[in-house]
Amino acid sequence: MRFDLRQLAYFLAVAEELNFTRAARRLNVAQQSLSSAIARLESHVGFDLFERAPRAVALTERGSAWLPYARDLVAVAQRCVDAAHELNAGSGPSLRIGLAATAAVDITPRLLHAHAERHPGVRVTTKHYGLEDPTGGLRTHHSDIAIVRPPFTSTGLDLVVVASEPRFVALHTGHPLATRRHIEFAEIADLPWIDIVGSDPIWCAFWRVNERRGRPARLGAQGHTLDDLLEAARSGQAVGLVPASIARAQRWPGLTFVEVTDIPAADVAIAWNANVPLPSPARDFLDLATTLTAAQPER
């Protein structure tokens, strides 16, 4: 059985977005072309990949089970293309680093700078990933290694924690709690919260502190990005949690960040695919991260 890689890429996009319109926009193709390609792929594999309803799209049980294999095949093809480009250009070793909401953490620039100094012959590319992919491109094999914020569905991934920081709630400046320096979770639990669409459920549960709730969070807005979260908070539609590095990175007009003192800290970790051999530049990056972390003074 042979597969069309373009159809597989279309399948991955719809599986991640769970929305044909958004997937078509992301792929820059007509929605009808996308739907036709998925239908041909379903005919090829012999089973439905998606359950379609007027307002919702979901993976079927077989589609969900087949998804990791499709991802692996697309990732291998991409690595083949990347290797061909590197060989054609006569370039040396390369390293793809994914960043998942970790740009504001001080260890990120220190790591990248230190690695560039110690391994000047390695061509490094970095890519920022939104809240929809907390694995920083590891799930799609678009990254060799990533700086991420667990927890998330970590099956097939290994990680080592390199930093931790408290979490802050984002509030509009007129909110009654905005004048406080510290609050406890019970004071914000019943407020409307933002729903991050299409992200990892374990990651979403952590950032909504589900383990402290007796009932599901009341949702006041939906979004895909950090900017969506901040705008929802600024407009008073919903609140959400952010790590200290985001809260302290800059002044955000119309927003106040208040530390929530009685919930677990947010970790920062170096992660990689456990079932894929780490290329030498990625191993060097991991070793450097471990060394730098061990040398950090206790806070």
C-alpha atoms as a PDB file:
ATOM      1  CA  MET A   1       0.000   0.000   0.000  1.00  0.00           C
ATOM      2  CA  ARG A   2       1.474   3.329  -1.090  1.00  0.00           C
ATOM      3  CA  PHE A   3       0.477   6.696   0.330  1.00  0.00           C
ATOM      4  CA  ASP A   4       0.337  10.202  -1.066  1.00  0.00           C
ATOM      5  CA  LEU A   5       2.377  12.333   1.344  1.00  0.00           C
ATOM      6  CA  ARG A   6       0.246  15.373   0.589  1.00  0.00           C
ATOM      7  CA  GLN A   7      -2.887  13.493   1.651  1.00  0.00           C
ATOM      8  CA  LEU A   8      -1.137  12.435   4.850  1.00  0.00           C
ATOM      9  CA  ALA A   9      -0.160  16.056   5.560  1.00  0.00           C
ATOM     10  CA  TYR A  10      -3.797  17.066   5.025  1.00  0.00           C
ATOM     11  CA  PHE A  11      -4.888  14.322   7.432  1.00  0.00           C
ATOM     12  CA  LEU A  12      -2.472  15.575  10.109  1.00  0.00           C
ATOM     13  CA  ALA A  13      -3.690  19.150   9.727  1.00  0.00           C
ATOM     14  CA  VAL A  14      -7.345  18.190  10.152  1.00  0.00           C
ATOM     15  CA  ALA A  15      -6.483  15.882  13.059  1.00  0.00           C
ATOM     16  CA  GLU A  16      -4.707  18.730  14.839  1.00  0.00           C
ATOM     17  CA  GLU A  17      -7.274  21.433  14.084  1.00  0.00           C
ATOM     18  CA  LEU A  18     -10.414  19.199  14.249  1.00  0.00           C
ATOM     19  CA  ASN A  19     -11.895  21.714  11.864  1.00  0.00           C
ATOM     20  CA  PHE A  20     -11.782  21.535   8.065  1.00  0.00           C
ATOM     21  CA  THR A  21     -12.019  25.311   7.622  1.00  0.00           C
ATOM     22  CA  ARG A  22      -9.070  26.068   9.893  1.00  0.00           C
ATOM     23  CA  ALA A  23      -7.029  23.204   8.432  1.00  0.00           C
ATOM     24  CA  ALA A  24      -7.647  24.471   4.883  1.00  0.00           C
ATOM     25  CA  ARG A  25      -6.627  27.982   5.921  1.00  0.00           C
ATOM     26  CA  ARG A  26      -3.486  26.633   7.570  1.00  0.00           C
ATOM     27  CA  LEU A  27      -2.581  24.618   4.469  1.00  0.00           C
ATOM     28  CA  ASN A  28      -3.561  27.445   2.119  1.00  0.00           C
ATOM     29  CA  VAL A  29      -5.833  25.184   0.054  1.00  0.00           C
ATOM     30  CA  ALA A  30      -9.508  25.263  -0.840  1.00  0.00           C
ATOM     31  CA  GLN A  31     -11.705  23.488   1.701  1.00  0.00           C
ATOM     32  CA  GLN A  32     -13.290  21.373  -1.033  1.00  0.00           C
ATOM     33  CA  SER A  33      -9.845  20.179  -2.162  1.00  0.00           C
ATOM     34  CA  LEU A  34      -8.996  19.276   1.409  1.00  0.00           C
ATOM     35  CA  SER A  35     -12.255  17.370   1.916  1.00  0.00           C
ATOM     36  CA  SER A  36     -11.765  15.487  -1.356  1.00  0.00           C
ATOM     37  CA  ALA A  37      -8.201  14.529  -0.432  1.00  0.00           C
ATOM     38  CA  ILE A  38      -9.325  13.204   2.956  1.00  0.00           C
ATOM     39  CA  ALA A  39     -12.108  11.214   1.300  1.00  0.00           C
ATOM     40  CA  ARG A  40      -9.593   9.645  -1.120  1.00  0.00           C
ATOM     41  CA  LEU A  41      -7.284   8.778   1.761  1.00  0.00           C
ATOM     42  CA  GLU A  42     -10.167   7.162   3.666  1.00  0.00           C
ATOM     43  CA  SER A  43     -11.006   5.115   0.589  1.00  0.00           C
ATOM     44  CA  HIS A  44      -7.352   4.103   0.325  1.00  0.00           C
ATOM     45  CA  VAL A  45      -6.982   2.926   3.930  1.00  0.00           C
ATOM     46  CA  GLY A  46     -10.437   1.324   3.988  1.00  0.00           C
ATOM     47  CA  PHE A  47     -11.964   3.096   7.014  1.00  0.00           C
ATOM     48  CA  ASP A  48     -13.265   6.505   8.083  1.00  0.00           C
ATOM     49  CA  LEU A  49     -10.697   8.764   9.667  1.00  0.00           C
ATOM     50  CA  PHE A  50     -13.107  11.387  10.981  1.00  0.00           C
ATOM     51  CA  GLU A  51     -16.596  11.600  12.365  1.00  0.00           C
ATOM     52  CA  ARG A  52     -18.204  14.619  10.730  1.00  0.00           C
ATOM     53  CA  ALA A  53     -21.034  16.647  12.253  1.00  0.00           C
ATOM     54  CA  PRO A  54     -22.349  20.088  11.234  1.00  0.00           C
ATOM     55  CA  ARG A  55     -20.506  21.834  14.062  1.00  0.00           C
ATOM     56  CA  ALA A  56     -17.798  19.353  15.060  1.00  0.00           C
ATOM     57  CA  VAL A  57     -15.138  17.047  13.665  1.00  0.00           C
ATOM     58  CA  ALA A  58     -13.609  14.194  15.667  1.00  0.00           C
ATOM     59  CA  LEU A  59     -11.182  11.389  14.937  1.00  0.00           C
ATOM     60  CA  THR A  60     -12.720   7.957  14.707  1.00  0.00           C
ATOM     61  CA  GLU A  61     -11.282   5.224  16.894  1.00  0.00           C
ATOM     62  CA  ARG A  62      -9.361   3.813  13.925  1.00  0.00           C
ATOM     63  CA  GLY A  63      -8.319   7.285  12.785  1.00  0.00           C
ATOM     64  CA  SER A  64      -6.921   8.051  16.234  1.00  0.00           C
ATOM     65  CA  ALA A  65      -5.042   4.729  16.322  1.00  0.00           C
ATOM     66  CA  TRP A  66      -3.571   5.319  12.846  1.00  0.00           C
ATOM     67  CA  LEU A  67      -2.563   8.944  13.506  1.00  0.00           C
ATOM     68  CA  PRO A  68       0.886   8.205  15.071  1.00  0.00           C
ATOM     69  CA  TYR A  69       1.880   6.086  12.072  1.00  0.00           C
ATOM     70  CA  ALA A  70       0.893   8.830   9.645  1.00  0.00           C
ATOM     71  CA  ARG A  71       2.911  11.328  11.688  1.00  0.00           C
ATOM     72  CA  ASP A  72       5.957   9.063  11.655  1.00  0.00           C
ATOM     73  CA  LEU A  73       5.787   8.592   7.880  1.00  0.00           C
ATOM     74  CA  VAL A  74       5.473  12.339   7.206  1.00  0.00           C
ATOM     75  CA  ALA A  75       8.315  13.041   9.640  1.00  0.00           C
ATOM     76  CA  VAL A  76      10.620  10.523   7.935  1.00  0.00           C
ATOM     77  CA  ALA A  77       9.834  12.075   4.557  1.00  0.00           C
ATOM     78  CA  GLN A  78      10.611  15.546   5.931  1.00  0.00           C
ATOM     79  CA  ARG A  79      13.917  14.365   7.364  1.00  0.00           C
ATOM     80  CA  CYS A  80      14.743  12.873   3.976  1.00  0.00           C
ATOM     81  CA  VAL A  81      14.041  16.232   2.304  1.00  0.00           C
ATOM     82  CA  ASP A  82      16.082  18.108   4.935  1.00  0.00           C
ATOM     83  CA  ALA A  83      19.021  15.737   4.500  1.00  0.00           C
ATOM     84  CA  ALA A  84      18.929  16.193   0.728  1.00  0.00           C
ATOM     85  CA  HIS A  85      19.008  19.993   1.123  1.00  0.00           C
ATOM     86  CA  GLU A  86      21.929  19.786   3.531  1.00  0.00           C
ATOM     87  CA  LEU A  87      23.899  17.431   1.308  1.00  0.00           C
ATOM     88  CA  ASN A  88      23.189  19.571  -1.743  1.00  0.00           C
ATOM     89  CA  ALA A  89      24.330  22.689   0.079  1.00  0.00           C
ATOM     90  CA  GLY A  90      27.390  20.944   1.457  1.00  0.00           C
ATOM     91  CA  SER A  91      26.429  22.133   4.921  1.00  0.00           C
ATOM     92  CA  GLY A  92      27.539  20.614   8.181  1.00  0.00           C
ATOM     93  CA  PRO A  93      25.508  19.254  11.079  1.00  0.00           C
ATOM     94  CA  SER A  94      22.205  20.928  11.908  1.00  0.00           C
ATOM     95  CA  LEU A  95      19.898  21.152  14.912  1.00  0.00           C
ATOM     96  CA  ARG A  96      16.186  22.038  14.942  1.00  0.00           C
ATOM     97  CA  ILE A  97      15.065  23.419  18.304  1.00  0.00           C
ATOM     98  CA  GLY A  98      11.396  23.881  19.125  1.00  0.00           C
ATOM     99  CA  LEU A  99      10.313  26.544  21.617  1.00  0.00           C
ATOM    100  CA  ALA A 100       6.919  26.111  23.261  1.00  0.00           C
ATOM    101  CA  ALA A 101       6.049  29.304  25.165  1.00  0.00           C
ATOM    102  CA  THR A 102       9.555  29.439  26.639  1.00  0.00           C
ATOM    103  CA  ALA A 103      11.094  32.450  24.877  1.00  0.00           C
ATOM    104  CA  ALA A 104      10.734  34.643  27.988  1.00  0.00           C
ATOM    105  CA  VAL A 105      12.519  32.150  30.278  1.00  0.00           C
ATOM    106  CA  ASP A 106      16.065  33.317  30.991  1.00  0.00           C
ATOM    107  CA  ILE A 107      17.542  29.857  30.413  1.00  0.00           C
ATOM    108  CA  THR A 108      16.406  29.872  26.754  1.00  0.00           C
ATOM    109  CA  PRO A 109      18.714  32.654  25.459  1.00  0.00           C
ATOM    110  CA  ARG A 110      21.531  31.481  27.736  1.00  0.00           C
ATOM    111  CA  LEU A 111      21.301  27.973  26.317  1.00  0.00           C
ATOM    112  CA  LEU A 112      21.156  29.118  22.705  1.00  0.00           C
ATOM    113  CA  HIS A 113      24.050  31.532  23.162  1.00  0.00           C
ATOM    114  CA  ALA A 114      26.215  28.998  25.008  1.00  0.00           C
ATOM    115  CA  HIS A 115      25.537  26.326  22.395  1.00  0.00           C
ATOM    116  CA  ALA A 116      26.473  28.697  19.551  1.00  0.00           C
ATOM    117  CA  GLU A 117      29.746  29.518  21.301  1.00  0.00           C
ATOM    118  CA  ARG A 118      30.688  25.893  21.951  1.00  0.00           C
ATOM    119  CA  HIS A 119      29.475  24.445  18.641  1.00  0.00           C
ATOM    120  CA  PRO A 120      29.905  27.170  15.997  1.00  0.00           C
ATOM    121  CA  GLY A 121      29.860  24.599  13.185  1.00  0.00           C
ATOM    122  CA  VAL A 122      26.299  23.485  13.905  1.00  0.00           C
ATOM    123  CA  ARG A 123      23.552  25.205  11.914  1.00  0.00           C
ATOM    124  CA  VAL A 124      20.761  25.857  14.419  1.00  0.00           C
ATOM    125  CA  THR A 125      17.199  26.732  13.506  1.00  0.00           C
ATOM    126  CA  THR A 126      14.613  27.639  16.131  1.00  0.00           C
ATOM    127  CA  LYS A 127      10.857  27.691  15.744  1.00  0.00           C
ATOM    128  CA  HIS A 128       8.229  28.986  18.143  1.00  0.00           C
ATOM    129  CA  TYR A 129       5.143  26.825  18.643  1.00  0.00           C
ATOM    130  CA  GLY A 130       1.814  28.109  19.900  1.00  0.00           C
ATOM    131  CA  LEU A 131      -0.332  26.788  22.702  1.00  0.00           C
ATOM    132  CA  GLU A 132      -1.822  24.173  20.379  1.00  0.00           C
ATOM    133  CA  ASP A 133       1.458  22.218  20.429  1.00  0.00           C
ATOM    134  CA  PRO A 134       3.074  22.244  23.891  1.00  0.00           C
ATOM    135  CA  THR A 135       5.582  19.607  22.681  1.00  0.00           C
ATOM    136  CA  GLY A 136       7.354  22.223  20.560  1.00  0.00           C
ATOM    137  CA  GLY A 137       7.154  20.292  17.303  1.00  0.00           C
ATOM    138  CA  LEU A 138       8.275  16.944  18.717  1.00  0.00           C
ATOM    139  CA  ARG A 139       4.951  15.239  18.029  1.00  0.00           C
ATOM    140  CA  THR A 140       5.228  16.105  14.342  1.00  0.00           C
ATOM    141  CA  HIS A 141       8.995  15.420  14.305  1.00  0.00           C
ATOM    142  CA  HIS A 142       9.654  18.958  13.092  1.00  0.00           C
ATOM    143  CA  SER A 143      12.069  19.461  16.013  1.00  0.00           C
ATOM    144  CA  ASP A 144      15.073  17.404  17.078  1.00  0.00           C
ATOM    145  CA  ILE A 145      14.818  18.716  20.638  1.00  0.00           C
ATOM    146  CA  ALA A 146      12.604  21.285  22.327  1.00  0.00           C
ATOM    147  CA  ILE A 147      12.379  23.618  25.305  1.00  0.00           C
ATOM    148  CA  VAL A 148       8.867  23.049  26.612  1.00  0.00           C
ATOM    149  CA  ARG A 149       6.459  23.472  29.504  1.00  0.00           C
ATOM    150  CA  PRO A 150       5.151  20.125  30.782  1.00  0.00           C
ATOM    151  CA  PRO A 151       2.894  18.453  31.665  1.00  0.00           C
ATOM    152  CA  PHE A 152       1.365  17.190  28.438  1.00  0.00           C
ATOM    153  CA  THR A 153       0.714  13.821  26.857  1.00  0.00           C
ATOM    154  CA  SER A 154       4.299  12.584  26.977  1.00  0.00           C
ATOM    155  CA  THR A 155       3.950   9.098  25.498  1.00  0.00           C
ATOM    156  CA  GLY A 156       7.042   8.503  23.387  1.00  0.00           C
ATOM    157  CA  LEU A 157       8.839  11.554  24.783  1.00  0.00           C
ATOM    158  CA  ASP A 158      11.622  11.916  27.319  1.00  0.00           C
ATOM    159  CA  LEU A 159      12.318  15.130  29.184  1.00  0.00           C
ATOM    160  CA  VAL A 160      14.476  16.642  31.889  1.00  0.00           C
ATOM    161  CA  VAL A 161      13.275  19.599  33.973  1.00  0.00           C
ATOM    162  CA  VAL A 162      15.684  22.548  33.915  1.00  0.00           C
ATOM    163  CA  ALA A 163      13.695  25.298  35.676  1.00  0.00           C
ATOM    164  CA  SER A 164      10.488  26.025  37.601  1.00  0.00           C
ATOM    165  CA  GLU A 165       8.571  29.239  38.171  1.00  0.00           C
ATOM    166  CA  PRO A 166       5.368  30.346  39.911  1.00  0.00           C
ATOM    167  CA  ARG A 167       2.137  30.937  38.025  1.00  0.00           C
ATOM    168  CA  PHE A 168       0.218  34.198  37.801  1.00  0.00           C
ATOM    169  CA  VAL A 169      -3.391  34.905  36.863  1.00  0.00           C
ATOM    170  CA  ALA A 170      -3.974  37.498  34.136  1.00  0.00           C
ATOM    171  CA  LEU A 171      -6.662  40.024  35.091  1.00  0.00           C
ATOM    172  CA  HIS A 172      -7.905  43.266  33.564  1.00  0.00           C
ATOM    173  CA  THR A 173      -6.741  46.272  35.579  1.00  0.00           C
ATOM    174  CA  GLY A 174     -10.242  47.063  36.811  1.00  0.00           C
ATOM    175  CA  HIS A 175     -10.789  43.649  38.382  1.00  0.00           C
ATOM    176  CA  PRO A 176     -11.282  43.717  42.182  1.00  0.00           C
ATOM    177  CA  LEU A 177      -8.331  41.317  42.658  1.00  0.00           C
ATOM    178  CA  ALA A 178      -5.970  43.317  40.435  1.00  0.00           C
ATOM    179  CA  THR A 179      -4.616  45.375  43.341  1.00  0.00           C
ATOM    180  CA  ARG A 180      -3.427  42.300  45.226  1.00  0.00           C
ATOM    181  CA  ARG A 181       0.136  40.974  45.124  1.00  0.00           C
ATOM    182  CA  HIS A 182      -0.822  37.395  45.961  1.00  0.00           C
ATOM    183  CA  ILE A 183      -4.027  35.383  45.885  1.00  0.00           C
ATOM    184  CA  GLU A 184      -5.094  31.798  46.429  1.00  0.00           C
ATOM    185  CA  PHE A 185      -6.687  29.641  43.761  1.00  0.00           C
ATOM    186  CA  ALA A 186     -10.089  29.500  45.498  1.00  0.00           C
ATOM    187  CA  GLU A 187     -10.457  33.242  44.878  1.00  0.00           C
ATOM    188  CA  ILE A 188     -10.375  32.781  41.086  1.00  0.00           C
ATOM    189  CA  ALA A 189     -11.687  29.226  40.632  1.00  0.00           C
ATOM    190  CA  ASP A 190     -15.268  30.301  39.854  1.00  0.00           C
ATOM    191  CA  LEU A 191     -14.342  33.083  37.430  1.00  0.00           C
ATOM    192  CA  PRO A 192     -14.830  32.434  33.687  1.00  0.00           C
ATOM    193  CA  TRP A 193     -11.682  30.838  32.209  1.00  0.00           C
ATOM    194  CA  ILE A 194     -10.279  30.768  28.700  1.00  0.00           C
ATOM    195  CA  ASP A 195     -10.544  27.553  26.697  1.00  0.00           C
ATOM    196  CA  ILE A 196      -7.430  26.906  24.575  1.00  0.00           C
ATOM    197  CA  VAL A 197      -8.767  25.153  21.497  1.00  0.00           C
ATOM    198  CA  GLY A 198      -6.990  22.140  20.023  1.00  0.00           C
ATOM    199  CA  SER A 199      -4.302  21.845  22.679  1.00  0.00           C
ATOM    200  CA  ASP A 200      -3.201  18.839  24.695  1.00  0.00           C
ATOM    201  CA  PRO A 201      -5.842  17.912  27.331  1.00  0.00           C
ATOM    202  CA  ILE A 202      -3.271  17.214  30.053  1.00  0.00           C
ATOM    203  CA  TRP A 203      -1.615  20.576  29.400  1.00  0.00           C
ATOM    204  CA  CYS A 204      -5.007  22.348  29.489  1.00  0.00           C
ATOM    205  CA  ALA A 205      -5.959  20.602  32.747  1.00  0.00           C
ATOM    206  CA  PHE A 206      -2.725  21.791  34.392  1.00  0.00           C
ATOM    207  CA  TRP A 207      -3.197  25.424  33.353  1.00  0.00           C
ATOM    208  CA  ARG A 208      -6.834  25.396  34.510  1.00  0.00           C
ATOM    209  CA  VAL A 209      -5.768  23.671  37.781  1.00  0.00           C
ATOM    210  CA  ASN A 210      -8.384  20.959  37.311  1.00  0.00           C
ATOM    211  CA  GLU A 211      -7.004  18.931  40.223  1.00  0.00           C
ATOM    212  CA  ARG A 212      -8.293  21.622  42.602  1.00  0.00           C
ATOM    213  CA  ARG A 213     -11.809  21.792  41.154  1.00  0.00           C
ATOM    214  CA  GLY A 214     -14.945  20.016  42.260  1.00  0.00           C
ATOM    215  CA  ARG A 215     -16.616  20.703  38.910  1.00  0.00           C
ATOM    216  CA  PRO A 216     -15.429  21.716  35.423  1.00  0.00           C
ATOM    217  CA  ALA A 217     -14.175  25.259  34.941  1.00  0.00           C
ATOM    218  CA  ARG A 218     -16.679  27.826  33.703  1.00  0.00           C
ATOM    219  CA  LEU A 219     -15.475  28.928  30.260  1.00  0.00           C
ATOM    220  CA  GLY A 220     -15.815  32.519  29.138  1.00  0.00           C
ATOM    221  CA  ALA A 221     -13.801  32.668  25.912  1.00  0.00           C
ATOM    222  CA  GLN A 222     -11.914  30.509  23.424  1.00  0.00           C
ATOM    223  CA  GLY A 223      -8.501  31.052  21.909  1.00  0.00           C
ATOM    224  CA  HIS A 224      -5.483  29.457  20.274  1.00  0.00           C
ATOM    225  CA  THR A 225      -2.578  31.663  21.367  1.00  0.00           C
ATOM    226  CA  LEU A 226      -1.095  33.541  24.312  1.00  0.00           C
ATOM    227  CA  ASP A 227      -2.311  36.763  22.710  1.00  0.00           C
ATOM    228  CA  ASP A 228      -5.861  35.346  22.700  1.00  0.00           C
ATOM    229  CA  LEU A 229      -5.545  34.609  26.424  1.00  0.00           C
ATOM    230  CA  LEU A 230      -4.275  38.108  27.198  1.00  0.00           C
ATOM    231  CA  GLU A 231      -6.990  39.778  25.126  1.00  0.00           C
ATOM    232  CA  ALA A 232      -9.680  37.697  26.850  1.00  0.00           C
ATOM    233  CA  ALA A 233      -8.321  38.789  30.229  1.00  0.00           C
ATOM    234  CA  ARG A 234      -7.931  42.425  29.165  1.00  0.00           C
ATOM    235  CA  SER A 235     -11.534  42.577  27.970  1.00  0.00           C
ATOM    236  CA  GLY A 236     -12.822  40.869  31.120  1.00  0.00           C
ATOM    237  CA  GLN A 237     -14.226  37.875  29.224  1.00  0.00           C
ATOM    238  CA  ALA A 238     -12.056  35.261  30.910  1.00  0.00           C
ATOM    239  CA  VAL A 239      -8.993  34.735  33.050  1.00  0.00           C
ATOM    240  CA  GLY A 240      -6.045  32.414  32.526  1.00  0.00           C
ATOM    241  CA  LEU A 241      -2.739  31.500  34.111  1.00  0.00           C
ATOM    242  CA  VAL A 242       0.688  32.407  32.767  1.00  0.00           C
ATOM    243  CA  PRO A 243       4.182  31.617  34.077  1.00  0.00           C
ATOM    244  CA  ALA A 244       6.152  34.254  35.967  1.00  0.00           C
ATOM    245  CA  SER A 245       8.492  34.892  33.031  1.00  0.00           C
ATOM    246  CA  ILE A 246       5.538  36.009  30.880  1.00  0.00           C
ATOM    247  CA  ALA A 247       4.010  38.083  33.667  1.00  0.00           C
ATOM    248  CA  ARG A 248       7.305  39.890  34.295  1.00  0.00           C
ATOM    249  CA  ALA A 249       8.552  40.156  30.713  1.00  0.00           C
ATOM    250  CA  GLN A 250       6.990  43.539  29.975  1.00  0.00           C
ATOM    251  CA  ARG A 251       4.139  45.861  30.845  1.00  0.00           C
ATOM    252  CA  TRP A 252       0.902  44.815  29.193  1.00  0.00           C
ATOM    253  CA  PRO A 253      -1.573  47.719  28.774  1.00  0.00           C
ATOM    254  CA  GLY A 254      -4.831  47.035  30.575  1.00  0.00           C
ATOM    255  CA  LEU A 255      -3.516  43.905  32.293  1.00  0.00           C
ATOM    256  CA  THR A 256      -2.369  43.009  35.780  1.00  0.00           C
ATOM    257  CA  PHE A 257      -0.723  39.744  36.831  1.00  0.00           C
ATOM    258  CA  VAL A 258      -1.204  38.429  40.353  1.00  0.00           C
ATOM    259  CA  GLU A 259       0.735  35.475  41.736  1.00  0.00           C
ATOM    260  CA  VAL A 260      -1.322  32.426  42.749  1.00  0.00           C
ATOM    261  CA  THR A 261       0.569  31.097  45.717  1.00  0.00           C
ATOM    262  CA  ASP A 262      -1.070  27.758  46.535  1.00  0.00           C
ATOM    263  CA  ILE A 263      -0.741  25.884  43.223  1.00  0.00           C
ATOM    264  CA  PRO A 264       2.248  23.921  41.854  1.00  0.00           C
ATOM    265  CA  ALA A 265       4.930  25.804  39.941  1.00  0.00           C
ATOM    266  CA  ALA A 266       5.264  25.543  36.165  1.00  0.00           C
ATOM    267  CA  ASP A 267       8.269  23.531  34.984  1.00  0.00           C
ATOM    268  CA  VAL A 268      10.491  24.204  32.000  1.00  0.00           C
ATOM    269  CA  ALA A 269      12.075  21.128  30.441  1.00  0.00           C
ATOM    270  CA  ILE A 270      14.246  19.919  27.591  1.00  0.00           C
ATOM    271  CA  ALA A 271      12.323  17.220  25.702  1.00  0.00           C
ATOM    272  CA  TRP A 272      13.008  14.862  22.822  1.00  0.00           C
ATOM    273  CA  ASN A 273      11.481  11.856  21.070  1.00  0.00           C
ATOM    274  CA  ALA A 274      12.460   8.756  23.002  1.00  0.00           C
ATOM    275  CA  ASN A 275      11.924   6.384  20.073  1.00  0.00           C
ATOM    276  CA  VAL A 276      14.147   8.356  17.671  1.00  0.00           C
ATOM    277  CA  PRO A 277      17.940   8.291  18.124  1.00  0.00           C
ATOM    278  CA  LEU A 278      19.123  11.741  19.198  1.00  0.00           C
ATOM    279  CA  PRO A 279      21.445  13.268  16.582  1.00  0.00           C
ATOM    280  CA  SER A 280      24.816  14.310  17.939  1.00  0.00           C
ATOM    281  CA  PRO A 281      24.007  18.085  17.987  1.00  0.00           C
ATOM    282  CA  ALA A 282      20.859  17.368  20.014  1.00  0.00           C
ATOM    283  CA  ARG A 283      22.845  15.275  22.509  1.00  0.00           C
ATOM    284  CA  ASP A 284      25.336  18.130  22.846  1.00  0.00           C
ATOM    285  CA  PHE A 285      22.481  20.563  23.467  1.00  0.00           C
ATOM    286  CA  LEU A 286      20.979  18.297  26.128  1.00  0.00           C
ATOM    287  CA  ASP A 287      24.355  17.849  27.855  1.00  0.00           C
ATOM    288  CA  LEU A 288      24.874  21.613  27.849  1.00  0.00           C
ATOM    289  CA  ALA A 289      21.402  22.219  29.316  1.00  0.00           C
ATOM    290  CA  THR A 290      22.095  19.721  32.093  1.00  0.00           C
ATOM    291  CA  THR A 291      25.446  21.368  32.858  1.00  0.00           C
ATOM    292  CA  LEU A 292      24.022  24.888  32.938  1.00  0.00           C
ATOM    293  CA  THR A 293      21.128  23.816  35.125  1.00  0.00           C
ATOM    294  CA  ALA A 294      23.444  22.117  37.626  1.00  0.00           C
ATOM    295  CA  ALA A 295      25.563  25.279  37.790  1.00  0.00           C
ATOM    296  CA  GLN A 296      22.572  27.554  38.582  1.00  0.00           C
ATOM    297  CA  PRO A 297      22.449  28.853  42.165  1.00  0.00           C
ATOM    298  CA  GLU A 298      19.450  27.721  44.207  1.00  0.00           C
ATOM    299  CA  ARG A 299      16.677  30.296  44.273  1.00  0.00           C
END
